[in-house]
Amino acid sequence: MDPADPPVPPGPAEPPSVVGASGPAAATGVPPAAGDLADDLARRVHQASHLTGTFVLRSGATSSEYFDKYRFESDPRLLRELAEAMAGLLPDGADGLAGLELGGVPLATVLSQVTGLPAGFVRKQAKPYGTRRLAEGFDVAGRRLVVVEDVVTSGGAVVDSCRALRSEGAEVAVALCVIDREAGGPANLADVGVELRPLFTMTQLKAAAGG
């Protein structure tokens, strides 16, 4: 370049993008936490939500331990960090989040803020009044949805919701959760063509907590 030539200004920076987002996003997706950061997050989730006693699970099984998801979802800092980590689990091409009533709703809401993907909220059963909709927030027909849940045991609730969303025209191939209790959930979801992507398994949480 001739010394007299004016410098060429740099081109515009590329906008941030999110794994799985098909349109503009509000923030860059964070890949699943690894190493010390993952261990620290797992330890804090375990510390906040792990209870011991006698508990009847949705599947009907009785357990001597229980993960109370409301205890980590009610902590704003922890909820935000979980959503940032879960953003890295999103598949390419997702164009909506489906948070399951009730525990999946706060996760889907903050994950929507992190990624820029719209969030809908899926009822266990449509109400017989008002809009009478199964999924609130947007029309699901034609959308490639990622189901968002808090804790998965056998996966029965997620299977039911995936079937219901598909019956209304949505495409559902992936579900995310914070905790997989390793009680058959991934296999049961695979049977209906849905891949479960947990942030943590119960084994990982126990290991991080030193149990």
N, C-alpha and C. Protein backbone atom coordinates (compact mmCIF):
# COMPACT_ATOMS: atom_id res chain seq x y z
N MET A 1 0.85 -1.19 0.00
CA MET A 1 0.00 0.00 0.00
C MET A 1 0.88 1.23 0.00
N ASP A 2 0.56 2.23 -0.81
CA ASP A 2 1.30 3.48 -0.87
C ASP A 2 1.14 4.21 0.45
N PRO A 3 2.23 4.76 1.00
CA PRO A 3 2.14 5.46 2.28
C PRO A 3 1.12 6.57 2.28
N ALA A 4 0.84 7.13 1.08
CA ALA A 4 -0.12 8.24 1.01
C ALA A 4 -1.55 7.77 1.02
N ASP A 5 -1.76 6.49 0.76
CA ASP A 5 -3.13 5.98 0.73
C ASP A 5 -3.72 6.01 2.14
N PRO A 6 -5.00 6.39 2.25
CA PRO A 6 -5.63 6.40 3.59
C PRO A 6 -5.85 4.99 4.09
N PRO A 7 -5.77 4.78 5.37
CA PRO A 7 -6.00 3.43 5.91
C PRO A 7 -7.44 2.98 5.65
N VAL A 8 -7.58 1.68 5.45
CA VAL A 8 -8.92 1.12 5.21
C VAL A 8 -9.56 0.82 6.55
N PRO A 9 -10.75 1.38 6.82
CA PRO A 9 -11.38 1.12 8.13
C PRO A 9 -11.79 -0.34 8.25
N PRO A 10 -11.74 -0.87 9.45
CA PRO A 10 -12.15 -2.28 9.64
C PRO A 10 -13.63 -2.45 9.35
N GLY A 11 -13.99 -3.65 8.89
CA GLY A 11 -15.39 -3.95 8.62
C GLY A 11 -16.17 -4.07 9.91
N PRO A 12 -17.49 -4.05 9.81
CA PRO A 12 -18.32 -4.16 11.01
C PRO A 12 -18.16 -5.52 11.68
N ALA A 13 -18.22 -5.52 12.98
CA ALA A 13 -18.11 -6.78 13.72
C ALA A 13 -19.33 -7.64 13.46
N GLU A 14 -19.14 -8.95 13.46
CA GLU A 14 -20.26 -9.85 13.27
C GLU A 14 -21.16 -9.82 14.49
N PRO A 15 -22.49 -9.87 14.29
CA PRO A 15 -23.39 -9.86 15.45
C PRO A 15 -23.27 -11.14 16.24
N PRO A 16 -23.59 -11.09 17.51
CA PRO A 16 -23.54 -12.31 18.32
C PRO A 16 -24.56 -13.31 17.83
N SER A 17 -24.27 -14.60 18.02
CA SER A 17 -25.19 -15.64 17.60
C SER A 17 -25.31 -16.67 18.71
N VAL A 18 -26.35 -17.47 18.61
CA VAL A 18 -26.63 -18.48 19.62
C VAL A 18 -26.72 -19.83 18.96
N VAL A 19 -26.11 -20.84 19.57
CA VAL A 19 -26.24 -22.19 19.07
C VAL A 19 -27.72 -22.55 19.02
N GLY A 20 -28.18 -22.96 17.86
CA GLY A 20 -29.56 -23.36 17.72
C GLY A 20 -30.48 -22.26 17.28
N ALA A 21 -30.08 -21.00 17.37
CA ALA A 21 -30.97 -19.92 16.98
C ALA A 21 -30.95 -19.73 15.47
N SER A 22 -32.13 -19.53 14.88
CA SER A 22 -32.20 -19.35 13.45
C SER A 22 -32.35 -17.88 13.08
N GLY A 23 -32.50 -17.00 14.06
CA GLY A 23 -32.65 -15.58 13.80
C GLY A 23 -31.74 -14.80 14.72
N PRO A 24 -31.91 -13.44 14.75
CA PRO A 24 -31.07 -12.62 15.62
C PRO A 24 -31.23 -13.03 17.07
N ALA A 25 -30.15 -12.95 17.79
CA ALA A 25 -30.18 -13.35 19.20
C ALA A 25 -29.66 -12.24 20.07
N ALA A 26 -30.03 -12.30 21.33
CA ALA A 26 -29.67 -11.22 22.24
C ALA A 26 -28.31 -11.42 22.87
N ALA A 27 -27.80 -12.63 22.87
CA ALA A 27 -26.53 -12.89 23.52
C ALA A 27 -25.89 -14.11 22.91
N THR A 28 -24.59 -14.25 23.15
CA THR A 28 -23.87 -15.41 22.63
C THR A 28 -24.10 -16.60 23.53
N GLY A 29 -24.42 -17.75 22.93
CA GLY A 29 -24.67 -18.96 23.70
C GLY A 29 -23.42 -19.42 24.42
N VAL A 30 -23.58 -19.94 25.58
CA VAL A 30 -22.47 -20.43 26.38
C VAL A 30 -22.45 -21.95 26.29
N PRO A 31 -21.32 -22.56 25.90
CA PRO A 31 -21.28 -24.02 25.82
C PRO A 31 -21.42 -24.63 27.20
N PRO A 32 -21.80 -25.91 27.26
CA PRO A 32 -21.95 -26.55 28.57
C PRO A 32 -20.70 -26.37 29.41
N ALA A 33 -20.91 -26.05 30.68
CA ALA A 33 -19.77 -25.81 31.56
C ALA A 33 -18.90 -27.05 31.67
N ALA A 34 -17.59 -26.84 31.82
CA ALA A 34 -16.67 -27.97 31.91
C ALA A 34 -15.67 -27.71 33.03
N GLY A 35 -15.06 -28.80 33.50
CA GLY A 35 -14.00 -28.68 34.48
C GLY A 35 -14.45 -28.07 35.79
N ASP A 36 -13.63 -27.17 36.32
CA ASP A 36 -13.88 -26.59 37.63
C ASP A 36 -15.19 -25.80 37.67
N LEU A 37 -15.51 -25.09 36.57
CA LEU A 37 -16.73 -24.30 36.55
C LEU A 37 -17.96 -25.21 36.62
N ALA A 38 -17.92 -26.31 35.89
CA ALA A 38 -19.04 -27.26 35.92
C ALA A 38 -19.16 -27.88 37.30
N ASP A 39 -18.04 -28.24 37.91
CA ASP A 39 -18.07 -28.84 39.24
C ASP A 39 -18.64 -27.87 40.27
N ASP A 40 -18.27 -26.59 40.15
CA ASP A 40 -18.76 -25.59 41.08
C ASP A 40 -20.26 -25.39 40.92
N LEU A 41 -20.73 -25.33 39.67
CA LEU A 41 -22.16 -25.16 39.42
C LEU A 41 -22.94 -26.38 39.93
N ALA A 42 -22.41 -27.57 39.66
CA ALA A 42 -23.06 -28.80 40.13
C ALA A 42 -23.12 -28.84 41.65
N ARG A 43 -22.04 -28.45 42.30
CA ARG A 43 -22.00 -28.45 43.76
C ARG A 43 -23.05 -27.50 44.32
N ARG A 44 -23.19 -26.35 43.72
CA ARG A 44 -24.16 -25.36 44.21
C ARG A 44 -25.60 -25.80 43.97
N VAL A 45 -25.85 -26.47 42.84
CA VAL A 45 -27.19 -27.00 42.58
C VAL A 45 -27.51 -28.06 43.63
N HIS A 46 -26.57 -28.95 43.89
CA HIS A 46 -26.77 -30.00 44.89
C HIS A 46 -27.01 -29.39 46.26
N GLN A 47 -26.21 -28.43 46.62
CA GLN A 47 -26.31 -27.80 47.93
C GLN A 47 -27.67 -27.11 48.10
N ALA A 48 -28.15 -26.48 47.03
CA ALA A 48 -29.39 -25.72 47.11
C ALA A 48 -30.63 -26.60 47.12
N SER A 49 -30.58 -27.73 46.43
CA SER A 49 -31.83 -28.45 46.15
C SER A 49 -31.92 -29.87 46.69
N HIS A 50 -30.81 -30.45 47.17
CA HIS A 50 -30.83 -31.86 47.56
C HIS A 50 -31.42 -32.03 48.96
N LEU A 51 -32.48 -32.85 49.03
CA LEU A 51 -33.14 -33.13 50.30
C LEU A 51 -33.12 -34.63 50.56
N THR A 52 -33.11 -35.02 51.83
CA THR A 52 -33.19 -36.43 52.18
C THR A 52 -34.43 -36.68 53.03
N GLY A 53 -34.96 -37.89 52.93
CA GLY A 53 -36.19 -38.24 53.62
C GLY A 53 -36.89 -39.34 52.85
N THR A 54 -38.21 -39.33 52.86
CA THR A 54 -38.99 -40.28 52.08
C THR A 54 -39.90 -39.49 51.15
N PHE A 55 -39.73 -39.70 49.85
CA PHE A 55 -40.45 -38.91 48.85
C PHE A 55 -41.07 -39.83 47.80
N VAL A 56 -42.31 -39.54 47.43
CA VAL A 56 -42.97 -40.25 46.34
C VAL A 56 -42.79 -39.42 45.08
N LEU A 57 -42.19 -40.02 44.05
CA LEU A 57 -41.92 -39.32 42.80
C LEU A 57 -43.13 -39.41 41.87
N ARG A 58 -43.13 -38.59 40.82
CA ARG A 58 -44.23 -38.60 39.86
C ARG A 58 -44.43 -39.99 39.26
N SER A 59 -43.34 -40.72 39.07
CA SER A 59 -43.41 -42.05 38.49
C SER A 59 -44.10 -43.06 39.41
N GLY A 60 -44.29 -42.68 40.68
CA GLY A 60 -44.87 -43.58 41.66
C GLY A 60 -43.83 -44.26 42.54
N ALA A 61 -42.57 -44.16 42.14
CA ALA A 61 -41.49 -44.76 42.93
C ALA A 61 -41.25 -43.95 44.19
N THR A 62 -40.73 -44.61 45.22
CA THR A 62 -40.37 -43.94 46.46
C THR A 62 -38.86 -43.77 46.51
N SER A 63 -38.41 -42.59 46.91
CA SER A 63 -36.98 -42.29 46.95
C SER A 63 -36.60 -41.74 48.30
N SER A 64 -35.35 -42.01 48.71
CA SER A 64 -34.85 -41.48 49.98
C SER A 64 -34.18 -40.12 49.79
N GLU A 65 -34.13 -39.65 48.56
CA GLU A 65 -33.58 -38.32 48.29
C GLU A 65 -34.39 -37.65 47.21
N TYR A 66 -34.33 -36.33 47.20
CA TYR A 66 -35.18 -35.55 46.30
C TYR A 66 -34.46 -34.27 45.94
N PHE A 67 -34.58 -33.86 44.67
CA PHE A 67 -34.03 -32.58 44.23
C PHE A 67 -35.19 -31.60 44.08
N ASP A 68 -35.26 -30.64 44.98
CA ASP A 68 -36.32 -29.64 44.96
C ASP A 68 -35.90 -28.51 44.02
N LYS A 69 -36.39 -28.61 42.78
CA LYS A 69 -35.97 -27.66 41.75
C LYS A 69 -36.33 -26.21 42.09
N TYR A 70 -37.38 -26.01 42.87
CA TYR A 70 -37.78 -24.64 43.19
C TYR A 70 -36.71 -23.93 44.01
N ARG A 71 -35.86 -24.69 44.67
CA ARG A 71 -34.81 -24.08 45.49
C ARG A 71 -33.68 -23.53 44.63
N PHE A 72 -33.41 -24.15 43.48
CA PHE A 72 -32.39 -23.53 42.62
C PHE A 72 -33.02 -22.56 41.63
N GLU A 73 -34.30 -22.72 41.35
CA GLU A 73 -34.95 -21.80 40.41
C GLU A 73 -35.33 -20.48 41.06
N SER A 74 -35.42 -20.46 42.39
CA SER A 74 -35.76 -19.23 43.10
C SER A 74 -34.54 -18.38 43.41
N ASP A 75 -33.36 -18.89 43.11
CA ASP A 75 -32.11 -18.15 43.32
C ASP A 75 -31.75 -17.48 41.99
N PRO A 76 -31.89 -16.15 41.88
CA PRO A 76 -31.72 -15.49 40.59
C PRO A 76 -30.34 -15.69 39.96
N ARG A 77 -29.30 -15.66 40.77
CA ARG A 77 -27.96 -15.84 40.22
C ARG A 77 -27.76 -17.27 39.71
N LEU A 78 -28.19 -18.24 40.50
CA LEU A 78 -28.03 -19.63 40.11
C LEU A 78 -28.89 -19.96 38.89
N LEU A 79 -30.11 -19.44 38.85
CA LEU A 79 -30.99 -19.67 37.70
C LEU A 79 -30.37 -19.11 36.43
N ARG A 80 -29.79 -17.93 36.51
CA ARG A 80 -29.16 -17.32 35.33
C ARG A 80 -27.97 -18.16 34.86
N GLU A 81 -27.14 -18.62 35.79
CA GLU A 81 -25.98 -19.43 35.41
C GLU A 81 -26.41 -20.76 34.79
N LEU A 82 -27.48 -21.34 35.30
CA LEU A 82 -27.98 -22.59 34.72
C LEU A 82 -28.47 -22.35 33.29
N ALA A 83 -29.18 -21.26 33.08
CA ALA A 83 -29.67 -20.96 31.73
C ALA A 83 -28.52 -20.71 30.77
N GLU A 84 -27.49 -20.01 31.22
CA GLU A 84 -26.34 -19.76 30.36
C GLU A 84 -25.65 -21.06 29.97
N ALA A 85 -25.55 -21.99 30.91
CA ALA A 85 -24.94 -23.28 30.61
C ALA A 85 -25.83 -24.10 29.69
N MET A 86 -27.14 -24.07 29.91
CA MET A 86 -28.07 -24.84 29.08
C MET A 86 -28.12 -24.32 27.65
N ALA A 87 -27.79 -23.05 27.44
CA ALA A 87 -27.80 -22.50 26.08
C ALA A 87 -26.86 -23.27 25.16
N GLY A 88 -25.77 -23.78 25.72
CA GLY A 88 -24.82 -24.54 24.93
C GLY A 88 -25.32 -25.92 24.54
N LEU A 89 -26.44 -26.36 25.12
CA LEU A 89 -27.00 -27.66 24.78
C LEU A 89 -28.03 -27.58 23.64
N LEU A 90 -28.39 -26.37 23.25
CA LEU A 90 -29.42 -26.22 22.22
C LEU A 90 -28.97 -26.76 20.88
N PRO A 91 -29.86 -27.44 20.15
CA PRO A 91 -29.51 -27.94 18.82
C PRO A 91 -29.57 -26.83 17.78
N ASP A 92 -28.85 -27.00 16.68
CA ASP A 92 -28.95 -26.07 15.57
C ASP A 92 -30.37 -26.08 15.01
N GLY A 93 -30.85 -24.91 14.63
CA GLY A 93 -32.14 -24.83 13.97
C GLY A 93 -33.33 -24.67 14.87
N ALA A 94 -33.14 -24.66 16.19
CA ALA A 94 -34.27 -24.45 17.09
C ALA A 94 -34.82 -23.05 16.91
N ASP A 95 -36.14 -22.93 16.90
CA ASP A 95 -36.70 -21.57 16.79
C ASP A 95 -37.74 -21.29 17.88
N GLY A 96 -37.72 -22.07 18.94
CA GLY A 96 -38.58 -21.79 20.07
C GLY A 96 -38.30 -22.72 21.23
N LEU A 97 -38.61 -22.25 22.45
CA LEU A 97 -38.45 -23.02 23.68
C LEU A 97 -39.82 -23.32 24.25
N ALA A 98 -40.00 -24.52 24.77
CA ALA A 98 -41.26 -24.92 25.36
C ALA A 98 -41.03 -25.32 26.80
N GLY A 99 -41.29 -24.40 27.72
CA GLY A 99 -41.11 -24.67 29.14
C GLY A 99 -42.31 -25.39 29.71
N LEU A 100 -42.06 -26.52 30.38
CA LEU A 100 -43.15 -27.33 30.91
C LEU A 100 -43.60 -26.84 32.28
N GLU A 101 -44.89 -26.79 32.47
CA GLU A 101 -45.49 -26.41 33.75
C GLU A 101 -45.03 -27.37 34.84
N LEU A 102 -44.57 -26.96 35.94
CA LEU A 102 -44.32 -25.60 36.35
C LEU A 102 -42.82 -25.29 36.36
N GLY A 103 -42.03 -26.32 36.66
CA GLY A 103 -40.61 -26.08 36.85
C GLY A 103 -39.85 -25.66 35.61
N GLY A 104 -40.35 -26.04 34.42
CA GLY A 104 -39.67 -25.65 33.20
C GLY A 104 -39.91 -24.22 32.78
N VAL A 105 -40.91 -23.56 33.39
CA VAL A 105 -41.26 -22.20 32.98
C VAL A 105 -40.18 -21.18 33.32
N PRO A 106 -39.69 -21.10 34.58
CA PRO A 106 -38.63 -20.12 34.85
C PRO A 106 -37.35 -20.40 34.07
N LEU A 107 -37.02 -21.68 33.88
CA LEU A 107 -35.83 -22.01 33.09
C LEU A 107 -35.98 -21.54 31.65
N ALA A 108 -37.14 -21.80 31.04
CA ALA A 108 -37.35 -21.39 29.65
C ALA A 108 -37.36 -19.87 29.53
N THR A 109 -37.89 -19.19 30.54
CA THR A 109 -37.96 -17.73 30.51
C THR A 109 -36.56 -17.12 30.49
N VAL A 110 -35.68 -17.57 31.40
CA VAL A 110 -34.33 -17.01 31.45
C VAL A 110 -33.51 -17.50 30.26
N LEU A 111 -33.71 -18.74 29.83
CA LEU A 111 -33.02 -19.24 28.64
C LEU A 111 -33.41 -18.43 27.42
N SER A 112 -34.65 -17.98 27.36
CA SER A 112 -35.09 -17.11 26.28
C SER A 112 -34.36 -15.78 26.32
N GLN A 113 -34.18 -15.23 27.51
CA GLN A 113 -33.44 -13.97 27.64
C GLN A 113 -31.98 -14.14 27.23
N VAL A 114 -31.38 -15.27 27.57
CA VAL A 114 -29.98 -15.52 27.26
C VAL A 114 -29.77 -15.71 25.75
N THR A 115 -30.69 -16.40 25.10
CA THR A 115 -30.49 -16.79 23.70
C THR A 115 -31.22 -15.93 22.68
N GLY A 116 -32.28 -15.24 23.11
CA GLY A 116 -33.09 -14.51 22.16
C GLY A 116 -34.17 -15.34 21.49
N LEU A 117 -34.24 -16.64 21.82
CA LEU A 117 -35.29 -17.49 21.27
C LEU A 117 -36.60 -17.24 22.03
N PRO A 118 -37.73 -17.21 21.32
CA PRO A 118 -39.01 -17.03 22.02
C PRO A 118 -39.35 -18.24 22.88
N ALA A 119 -40.05 -17.99 23.97
CA ALA A 119 -40.43 -19.07 24.88
C ALA A 119 -41.95 -19.19 24.94
N GLY A 120 -42.42 -20.43 24.93
CA GLY A 120 -43.82 -20.72 25.19
C GLY A 120 -43.89 -21.57 26.45
N PHE A 121 -45.09 -21.65 27.01
CA PHE A 121 -45.25 -22.35 28.28
C PHE A 121 -46.34 -23.40 28.12
N VAL A 122 -45.98 -24.64 28.43
CA VAL A 122 -46.84 -25.78 28.13
C VAL A 122 -47.54 -26.26 29.39
N ARG A 123 -48.86 -26.26 29.33
CA ARG A 123 -49.65 -26.72 30.47
C ARG A 123 -49.68 -28.25 30.50
N LYS A 124 -49.94 -28.78 31.68
CA LYS A 124 -50.18 -30.23 31.78
C LYS A 124 -51.47 -30.59 31.07
N GLN A 125 -52.42 -29.66 31.12
CA GLN A 125 -53.71 -29.87 30.48
C GLN A 125 -54.29 -28.51 30.14
N ALA A 126 -54.87 -28.39 28.95
CA ALA A 126 -55.47 -27.12 28.55
C ALA A 126 -56.62 -26.76 29.48
N LYS A 127 -56.73 -25.47 29.82
CA LYS A 127 -57.81 -25.02 30.68
C LYS A 127 -59.13 -25.01 29.89
N PRO A 128 -60.25 -25.26 30.56
CA PRO A 128 -61.53 -25.26 29.85
C PRO A 128 -62.12 -23.87 29.66
N TYR A 129 -61.33 -22.83 29.93
CA TYR A 129 -61.82 -21.46 29.79
C TYR A 129 -60.71 -20.60 29.21
N GLY A 130 -60.98 -19.32 28.96
CA GLY A 130 -59.98 -18.43 28.39
C GLY A 130 -59.60 -18.86 26.98
N THR A 131 -58.31 -18.90 26.71
CA THR A 131 -57.84 -19.29 25.37
C THR A 131 -57.93 -20.79 25.13
N ARG A 132 -58.04 -21.57 26.21
CA ARG A 132 -58.15 -23.03 26.13
C ARG A 132 -56.97 -23.65 25.38
N ARG A 133 -55.82 -23.04 25.55
CA ARG A 133 -54.64 -23.51 24.83
C ARG A 133 -53.79 -24.43 25.69
N LEU A 134 -53.16 -25.40 25.04
CA LEU A 134 -52.19 -26.26 25.72
C LEU A 134 -50.89 -25.49 25.95
N ALA A 135 -50.46 -24.76 24.93
CA ALA A 135 -49.22 -23.99 24.99
C ALA A 135 -49.53 -22.51 24.90
N GLU A 136 -49.07 -21.75 25.88
CA GLU A 136 -49.29 -20.31 25.92
C GLU A 136 -48.04 -19.58 25.44
N GLY A 137 -48.25 -18.43 24.84
CA GLY A 137 -47.12 -17.59 24.45
C GLY A 137 -46.92 -17.47 22.96
N PHE A 138 -47.13 -18.57 22.22
CA PHE A 138 -47.04 -18.51 20.76
C PHE A 138 -47.75 -19.71 20.16
N ASP A 139 -47.98 -19.64 18.84
CA ASP A 139 -48.54 -20.78 18.12
C ASP A 139 -47.41 -21.78 17.88
N VAL A 140 -47.64 -23.04 18.20
CA VAL A 140 -46.58 -24.04 18.10
C VAL A 140 -46.50 -24.68 16.72
N ALA A 141 -47.56 -24.63 15.95
CA ALA A 141 -47.58 -25.31 14.65
C ALA A 141 -46.45 -24.82 13.76
N GLY A 142 -45.67 -25.75 13.23
CA GLY A 142 -44.58 -25.42 12.32
C GLY A 142 -43.29 -25.01 13.00
N ARG A 143 -43.27 -24.89 14.30
CA ARG A 143 -42.05 -24.49 15.01
C ARG A 143 -41.21 -25.71 15.37
N ARG A 144 -39.89 -25.51 15.35
CA ARG A 144 -38.95 -26.53 15.82
C ARG A 144 -38.63 -26.21 17.27
N LEU A 145 -39.35 -26.87 18.15
CA LEU A 145 -39.28 -26.54 19.57
C LEU A 145 -38.30 -27.42 20.33
N VAL A 146 -37.69 -26.82 21.34
CA VAL A 146 -36.88 -27.57 22.32
C VAL A 146 -37.63 -27.52 23.64
N VAL A 147 -37.96 -28.67 24.16
CA VAL A 147 -38.68 -28.75 25.43
C VAL A 147 -37.69 -28.50 26.57
N VAL A 148 -38.12 -27.73 27.56
CA VAL A 148 -37.26 -27.39 28.70
C VAL A 148 -37.94 -27.87 29.98
N GLU A 149 -37.23 -28.71 30.73
CA GLU A 149 -37.74 -29.26 31.98
C GLU A 149 -36.68 -29.09 33.07
N ASP A 150 -37.08 -29.22 34.31
CA ASP A 150 -36.14 -29.05 35.42
C ASP A 150 -35.45 -30.36 35.78
N VAL A 151 -36.22 -31.32 36.29
CA VAL A 151 -35.68 -32.61 36.72
C VAL A 151 -36.43 -33.72 35.98
N VAL A 152 -35.69 -34.68 35.43
CA VAL A 152 -36.30 -35.80 34.72
C VAL A 152 -35.98 -37.09 35.47
N THR A 153 -37.03 -37.86 35.76
CA THR A 153 -36.85 -39.18 36.39
C THR A 153 -37.11 -40.24 35.32
N SER A 154 -38.35 -40.65 35.17
CA SER A 154 -38.68 -41.61 34.11
C SER A 154 -38.95 -40.92 32.79
N GLY A 155 -39.18 -39.61 32.85
CA GLY A 155 -39.44 -38.86 31.62
C GLY A 155 -40.89 -38.86 31.18
N GLY A 156 -41.79 -39.39 32.01
CA GLY A 156 -43.19 -39.50 31.61
C GLY A 156 -43.84 -38.18 31.26
N ALA A 157 -43.61 -37.15 32.07
CA ALA A 157 -44.22 -35.84 31.81
C ALA A 157 -43.69 -35.24 30.52
N VAL A 158 -42.40 -35.43 30.26
CA VAL A 158 -41.81 -34.88 29.04
C VAL A 158 -42.34 -35.62 27.82
N VAL A 159 -42.45 -36.93 27.91
CA VAL A 159 -43.00 -37.72 26.81
C VAL A 159 -44.42 -37.24 26.48
N ASP A 160 -45.25 -37.07 27.51
CA ASP A 160 -46.63 -36.63 27.29
C ASP A 160 -46.67 -35.26 26.62
N SER A 161 -45.81 -34.35 27.07
CA SER A 161 -45.81 -33.00 26.50
C SER A 161 -45.31 -32.99 25.07
N CYS A 162 -44.29 -33.80 24.78
CA CYS A 162 -43.78 -33.87 23.41
C CYS A 162 -44.86 -34.39 22.47
N ARG A 163 -45.58 -35.40 22.89
CA ARG A 163 -46.66 -35.94 22.07
C ARG A 163 -47.75 -34.89 21.85
N ALA A 164 -48.10 -34.16 22.92
CA ALA A 164 -49.13 -33.15 22.80
C ALA A 164 -48.71 -32.01 21.87
N LEU A 165 -47.45 -31.58 21.97
CA LEU A 165 -46.96 -30.52 21.09
C LEU A 165 -46.93 -30.98 19.63
N ARG A 166 -46.52 -32.21 19.40
CA ARG A 166 -46.52 -32.74 18.04
C ARG A 166 -47.93 -32.83 17.47
N SER A 167 -48.89 -33.16 18.33
CA SER A 167 -50.27 -33.26 17.85
C SER A 167 -50.81 -31.91 17.39
N GLU A 168 -50.15 -30.81 17.86
CA GLU A 168 -50.56 -29.48 17.45
C GLU A 168 -49.67 -28.92 16.34
N GLY A 169 -48.82 -29.78 15.78
CA GLY A 169 -48.05 -29.38 14.61
C GLY A 169 -46.63 -28.96 14.85
N ALA A 170 -46.13 -29.08 16.09
CA ALA A 170 -44.74 -28.70 16.38
C ALA A 170 -43.79 -29.85 16.03
N GLU A 171 -42.55 -29.48 15.73
CA GLU A 171 -41.48 -30.46 15.59
C GLU A 171 -40.70 -30.48 16.89
N VAL A 172 -40.57 -31.65 17.50
CA VAL A 172 -39.84 -31.78 18.77
C VAL A 172 -38.88 -32.95 18.67
N ALA A 173 -37.59 -32.66 18.76
CA ALA A 173 -36.57 -33.71 18.66
C ALA A 173 -35.61 -33.70 19.84
N VAL A 174 -35.60 -32.61 20.62
CA VAL A 174 -34.64 -32.48 21.72
C VAL A 174 -35.35 -31.91 22.95
N ALA A 175 -35.01 -32.43 24.11
CA ALA A 175 -35.46 -31.87 25.38
C ALA A 175 -34.25 -31.60 26.25
N LEU A 176 -34.27 -30.49 26.97
CA LEU A 176 -33.20 -30.14 27.91
C LEU A 176 -33.73 -30.25 29.33
N CYS A 177 -32.84 -30.58 30.25
CA CYS A 177 -33.19 -30.54 31.67
C CYS A 177 -31.95 -30.20 32.47
N VAL A 178 -32.15 -29.76 33.71
CA VAL A 178 -31.03 -29.47 34.59
C VAL A 178 -30.48 -30.77 35.16
N ILE A 179 -31.38 -31.65 35.63
CA ILE A 179 -30.95 -32.88 36.31
C ILE A 179 -31.63 -34.09 35.70
N ASP A 180 -30.83 -35.07 35.30
CA ASP A 180 -31.33 -36.40 34.92
C ASP A 180 -31.08 -37.32 36.10
N ARG A 181 -32.17 -37.83 36.69
CA ARG A 181 -32.03 -38.70 37.85
C ARG A 181 -31.57 -40.10 37.47
N GLU A 182 -31.35 -40.34 36.19
CA GLU A 182 -30.84 -41.63 35.70
C GLU A 182 -31.77 -42.78 36.09
N ALA A 183 -33.07 -42.57 35.82
CA ALA A 183 -34.07 -43.58 36.14
C ALA A 183 -34.91 -43.93 34.91
N GLY A 184 -34.25 -43.94 33.74
CA GLY A 184 -34.94 -44.36 32.53
C GLY A 184 -35.41 -43.26 31.62
N GLY A 185 -35.26 -42.01 32.03
CA GLY A 185 -35.74 -40.89 31.23
C GLY A 185 -35.19 -40.83 29.81
N PRO A 186 -33.86 -40.88 29.62
CA PRO A 186 -33.32 -40.80 28.25
C PRO A 186 -33.84 -41.91 27.34
N ALA A 187 -33.93 -43.14 27.86
CA ALA A 187 -34.41 -44.25 27.04
C ALA A 187 -35.88 -44.09 26.68
N ASN A 188 -36.70 -43.66 27.65
CA ASN A 188 -38.12 -43.48 27.37
C ASN A 188 -38.37 -42.38 26.36
N LEU A 189 -37.57 -41.33 26.44
CA LEU A 189 -37.71 -40.25 25.46
C LEU A 189 -37.20 -40.69 24.09
N ALA A 190 -36.12 -41.46 24.06
CA ALA A 190 -35.60 -41.96 22.79
C ALA A 190 -36.65 -42.83 22.08
N ASP A 191 -37.48 -43.51 22.86
CA ASP A 191 -38.52 -44.36 22.27
C ASP A 191 -39.53 -43.55 21.47
N VAL A 192 -39.68 -42.26 21.78
CA VAL A 192 -40.61 -41.42 21.02
C VAL A 192 -39.85 -40.43 20.12
N GLY A 193 -38.56 -40.71 19.91
CA GLY A 193 -37.78 -39.90 18.98
C GLY A 193 -37.31 -38.57 19.52
N VAL A 194 -37.11 -38.49 20.85
CA VAL A 194 -36.65 -37.25 21.47
C VAL A 194 -35.34 -37.53 22.22
N GLU A 195 -34.34 -36.71 21.97
CA GLU A 195 -33.06 -36.83 22.66
C GLU A 195 -33.06 -35.97 23.91
N LEU A 196 -32.78 -36.56 25.05
CA LEU A 196 -32.67 -35.80 26.29
C LEU A 196 -31.24 -35.33 26.46
N ARG A 197 -31.07 -34.02 26.68
CA ARG A 197 -29.75 -33.44 26.91
C ARG A 197 -29.73 -32.81 28.29
N PRO A 198 -29.28 -33.55 29.30
CA PRO A 198 -29.24 -32.99 30.66
C PRO A 198 -27.99 -32.16 30.88
N LEU A 199 -28.13 -31.14 31.72
CA LEU A 199 -26.96 -30.37 32.12
C LEU A 199 -26.11 -31.20 33.08
N PHE A 200 -26.78 -31.91 34.00
CA PHE A 200 -26.10 -32.77 34.95
C PHE A 200 -26.88 -34.06 35.13
N THR A 201 -26.17 -35.15 35.40
CA THR A 201 -26.81 -36.36 35.88
C THR A 201 -26.73 -36.35 37.41
N MET A 202 -27.53 -37.21 38.04
CA MET A 202 -27.48 -37.28 39.50
C MET A 202 -26.10 -37.76 39.96
N THR A 203 -25.48 -38.65 39.18
CA THR A 203 -24.13 -39.10 39.52
C THR A 203 -23.15 -37.94 39.55
N GLN A 204 -23.25 -37.05 38.57
CA GLN A 204 -22.35 -35.89 38.51
C GLN A 204 -22.57 -34.96 39.70
N LEU A 205 -23.83 -34.75 40.07
CA LEU A 205 -24.13 -33.86 41.20
C LEU A 205 -23.55 -34.43 42.49
N LYS A 206 -23.73 -35.73 42.69
CA LYS A 206 -23.21 -36.36 43.90
C LYS A 206 -21.68 -36.29 43.95
N ALA A 207 -21.05 -36.52 42.81
CA ALA A 207 -19.59 -36.47 42.76
C ALA A 207 -19.08 -35.07 43.08
N ALA A 208 -19.76 -34.06 42.53
CA ALA A 208 -19.35 -32.67 42.78
C ALA A 208 -19.54 -32.29 44.24
N ALA A 209 -20.56 -32.90 44.87
CA ALA A 209 -20.82 -32.61 46.27
C ALA A 209 -19.96 -33.43 47.21
N GLY A 210 -19.18 -34.34 46.64
CA GLY A 210 -18.30 -35.15 47.46
C GLY A 210 -18.99 -36.38 48.02
N GLY A 211 -20.17 -36.73 47.43
CA GLY A 211 -20.91 -37.87 47.93
C GLY A 211 -20.58 -39.15 47.21
